[in-house]
N, C-alpha and C. Protein backbone atom coordinates (compact mmCIF):
# COMPACT_ATOMS: atom_id res chain seq x y z
N UNK A 1 93.01 129.57 104.67
CA UNK A 1 94.15 129.82 106.14
C UNK A 1 94.30 131.54 105.88
N UNK A 2 93.85 132.28 107.00
CA UNK A 2 94.29 133.58 106.93
C UNK A 2 95.28 133.55 107.54
N UNK A 3 96.18 134.47 106.93
CA UNK A 3 97.55 135.44 107.83
C UNK A 3 97.32 135.85 108.89
N UNK A 4 97.92 135.41 110.24
CA UNK A 4 98.02 135.81 111.08
C UNK A 4 98.78 136.39 111.89
N UNK A 5 99.24 137.79 112.40
CA UNK A 5 100.09 138.71 112.47
C UNK A 5 99.88 139.49 114.07
N UNK A 6 100.75 139.87 114.59
CA UNK A 6 100.80 140.87 115.62
C UNK A 6 101.09 142.40 114.62
N UNK A 7 100.20 143.40 115.39
CA UNK A 7 100.12 145.19 114.68
C UNK A 7 100.44 145.56 115.99
N UNK A 8 101.40 146.61 115.90
CA UNK A 8 101.85 147.34 116.93
C UNK A 8 101.46 149.07 116.12
N UNK A 9 101.11 149.99 116.87
CA UNK A 9 100.22 150.97 116.13
C UNK A 9 99.94 152.23 117.20
N UNK A 10 99.75 153.38 116.99
CA UNK A 10 99.66 154.30 118.24
C UNK A 10 98.19 155.00 117.64
N UNK A 11 97.09 154.57 118.40
CA UNK A 11 95.76 154.87 118.06
C UNK A 11 95.56 156.15 118.51
N UNK A 12 94.68 156.88 117.80
CA UNK A 12 93.84 157.85 118.42
C UNK A 12 93.12 158.06 119.65
N UNK A 13 92.33 157.02 120.12
CA UNK A 13 91.97 156.47 121.32
C UNK A 13 92.03 154.94 121.74
N UNK A 14 91.91 154.68 123.24
CA UNK A 14 92.10 153.37 123.41
C UNK A 14 90.94 153.57 124.29
N UNK A 15 90.16 152.75 124.23
CA UNK A 15 89.08 152.06 125.22
C UNK A 15 88.10 153.40 125.63
N UNK A 16 87.61 153.87 124.37
CA UNK A 16 86.91 155.16 124.16
C UNK A 16 87.54 156.47 124.45
N UNK A 17 88.32 156.99 124.98
CA UNK A 17 89.16 157.99 125.66
C UNK A 17 90.24 158.22 124.73
N UNK A 18 90.49 159.80 124.02
CA UNK A 18 91.88 160.33 123.81
C UNK A 18 92.55 160.02 124.46
N UNK A 19 93.87 159.58 123.20
CA UNK A 19 95.23 158.76 124.18
C UNK A 19 95.92 159.94 123.77
N UNK A 20 96.07 160.43 124.89
CA UNK A 20 96.95 161.90 125.26
C UNK A 20 98.43 161.40 125.54
N UNK A 21 98.17 160.25 125.59
CA UNK A 21 99.60 159.86 126.36
C UNK A 21 100.79 159.22 125.15
N UNK A 22 99.77 159.16 123.91
CA UNK A 22 100.43 158.42 122.80
C UNK A 22 101.35 157.42 123.09
N UNK A 23 100.25 156.80 123.72
CA UNK A 23 100.33 154.85 124.26
C UNK A 23 100.25 154.02 122.85
N UNK A 24 101.40 153.43 122.77
CA UNK A 24 101.03 152.24 121.62
C UNK A 24 100.15 151.08 121.87
N UNK A 25 99.80 150.42 120.93
CA UNK A 25 99.04 148.72 121.85
C UNK A 25 99.61 147.92 120.68
N UNK A 26 99.60 146.34 121.41
CA UNK A 26 99.82 145.24 120.35
C UNK A 26 98.82 144.57 120.57
N UNK A 27 98.31 144.21 118.69
CA UNK A 27 97.17 142.79 118.97
C UNK A 27 97.70 142.12 118.18
N UNK A 28 96.54 140.80 117.74
CA UNK A 28 96.86 139.84 117.31
C UNK A 28 95.90 140.04 116.06
N UNK A 29 96.19 140.21 114.54
CA UNK A 29 94.73 140.17 113.80
C UNK A 29 94.98 139.59 112.71
N UNK A 30 94.10 139.19 111.61
CA UNK A 30 93.86 138.23 110.72
C UNK A 30 93.55 139.27 109.41
N UNK A 31 94.31 138.47 108.82
CA UNK A 31 93.14 139.66 107.26
C UNK A 31 92.65 138.40 106.59
N UNK A 32 90.96 139.01 106.30
CA UNK A 32 90.06 138.36 105.65
C UNK A 32 89.87 139.57 104.53
N UNK A 33 88.51 138.79 104.15
CA UNK A 33 88.39 139.52 102.64
C UNK A 33 87.62 141.28 103.36
N UNK A 34 87.57 141.68 104.26
CA UNK A 34 87.12 143.55 104.66
C UNK A 34 88.25 143.85 105.18
N UNK A 35 89.76 143.02 105.12
CA UNK A 35 90.71 144.05 105.33
C UNK A 35 91.04 144.92 104.36
N UNK A 36 91.67 145.81 104.86
CA UNK A 36 91.63 146.77 103.28
C UNK A 36 93.03 147.68 104.12
N UNK A 37 93.86 148.36 102.90
CA UNK A 37 94.80 149.56 102.82
C UNK A 37 94.13 150.44 102.33
N UNK A 38 93.79 151.53 103.05
CA UNK A 38 93.29 152.77 101.80
C UNK A 38 93.51 154.10 102.66
N UNK A 39 93.52 155.27 101.71
CA UNK A 39 93.32 156.42 102.29
C UNK A 39 92.38 157.21 102.66
N UNK A 40 92.64 157.60 103.85
CA UNK A 40 91.05 158.34 104.67
C UNK A 40 90.89 159.60 103.60
N UNK A 41 89.71 160.05 103.91
CA UNK A 41 89.94 161.41 103.58
C UNK A 41 90.17 162.62 103.84
N UNK A 42 90.93 162.70 104.77
CA UNK A 42 91.89 163.81 105.60
C UNK A 42 93.82 163.14 105.04
N UNK A 43 93.54 162.23 104.13
CA UNK A 43 95.05 162.27 103.63
C UNK A 43 95.69 160.94 104.37
N UNK A 44 95.16 160.24 105.29
CA UNK A 44 95.85 159.53 106.07
C UNK A 44 96.21 157.89 105.83
N UNK A 45 97.15 157.27 105.58
CA UNK A 45 97.00 156.06 105.43
C UNK A 45 96.79 155.23 106.67
N UNK A 46 95.53 154.15 106.14
CA UNK A 46 94.71 153.55 107.14
C UNK A 46 94.98 151.80 107.02
N UNK A 47 94.64 151.09 107.80
CA UNK A 47 95.25 149.75 107.49
C UNK A 47 93.49 148.72 108.38
N UNK A 48 92.49 148.33 107.65
CA UNK A 48 91.48 148.09 108.72
C UNK A 48 91.58 146.18 108.52
N UNK A 49 92.01 145.89 109.74
CA UNK A 49 92.33 144.28 109.83
C UNK A 49 91.26 143.61 111.16
N UNK A 50 90.95 142.56 110.97
CA UNK A 50 90.04 141.92 111.98
C UNK A 50 91.04 141.60 113.32
N UNK A 51 90.93 142.02 114.53
CA UNK A 51 91.23 142.12 115.67
C UNK A 51 91.28 140.85 116.45
N UNK A 52 91.85 139.70 116.35
CA UNK A 52 91.88 138.62 117.32
C UNK A 52 91.10 138.90 119.01
N UNK A 53 92.37 139.67 119.52
CA UNK A 53 91.90 140.46 120.76
C UNK A 53 90.44 140.90 121.25
N UNK A 54 90.45 141.49 120.83
CA UNK A 54 88.72 142.02 120.67
C UNK A 54 87.79 141.95 119.89
N UNK A 55 88.07 141.11 119.06
CA UNK A 55 86.54 140.43 118.69
C UNK A 55 86.16 141.16 117.56
N UNK A 56 86.96 141.97 117.12
CA UNK A 56 85.98 142.74 116.29
C UNK A 56 87.19 143.66 115.09
N UNK A 57 86.53 144.67 113.88
CA UNK A 57 87.48 145.28 112.95
C UNK A 57 88.07 146.15 113.68
N UNK A 58 89.33 146.71 113.49
CA UNK A 58 90.43 147.80 113.72
C UNK A 58 90.81 148.82 112.74
N UNK A 59 91.26 149.89 112.95
CA UNK A 59 92.18 150.65 111.99
C UNK A 59 93.10 151.29 112.20
N UNK A 60 93.92 150.80 111.88
CA UNK A 60 95.44 151.82 112.22
C UNK A 60 95.88 152.34 111.33
N UNK A 61 96.35 153.74 111.26
CA UNK A 61 96.47 155.07 110.32
C UNK A 61 98.04 155.57 110.68
N UNK A 62 98.34 156.22 109.23
CA UNK A 62 99.71 156.45 108.96
C UNK A 62 101.15 155.21 109.72
N UNK A 63 101.33 155.15 110.72
CA UNK A 63 102.56 154.39 110.72
C UNK A 63 102.02 153.13 111.76
N UNK A 64 102.24 151.75 111.40
CA UNK A 64 102.54 150.56 112.30
C UNK A 64 103.58 149.53 111.46
N UNK A 65 103.93 148.61 112.58
CA UNK A 65 104.59 147.23 112.53
C UNK A 65 103.76 146.05 112.48
N UNK A 66 103.93 145.32 111.93
CA UNK A 66 103.44 143.92 111.30
C UNK A 66 104.63 143.38 111.06
N UNK A 67 104.29 142.35 112.30
CA UNK A 67 104.71 141.04 112.49
C UNK A 67 104.31 139.64 111.98
N UNK A 68 104.63 138.79 110.83
CA UNK A 68 103.77 137.77 110.49
C UNK A 68 104.20 136.42 111.47
N UNK A 69 102.87 135.93 112.03
CA UNK A 69 103.40 134.82 113.04
C UNK A 69 102.87 133.82 112.67
N UNK A 70 101.95 133.28 111.38
CA UNK A 70 101.59 132.23 110.38
C UNK A 70 100.15 132.07 109.91
N UNK A 71 99.09 131.38 109.72
CA UNK A 71 97.97 131.09 109.74
C UNK A 71 97.06 130.75 110.31
N UNK A 72 95.88 131.20 110.40
CA UNK A 72 94.71 130.47 111.18
C UNK A 72 94.06 129.66 110.66
């Protein structure tokens, strides 16, 4: 079973456009073997997870909030 969660963060880009309004997004994600927490080459803290809403991997950087919602 994979842990399922809501994640809220402010991405650099939304739908391929620069996020000039600093809008936050909410996604449903799961942890799997490709999920990871790491430091980028620019020194930013980053978290890669599988985005259930968009059916692909996404990376949140620097600041995010996660709320556990169960297991998938």
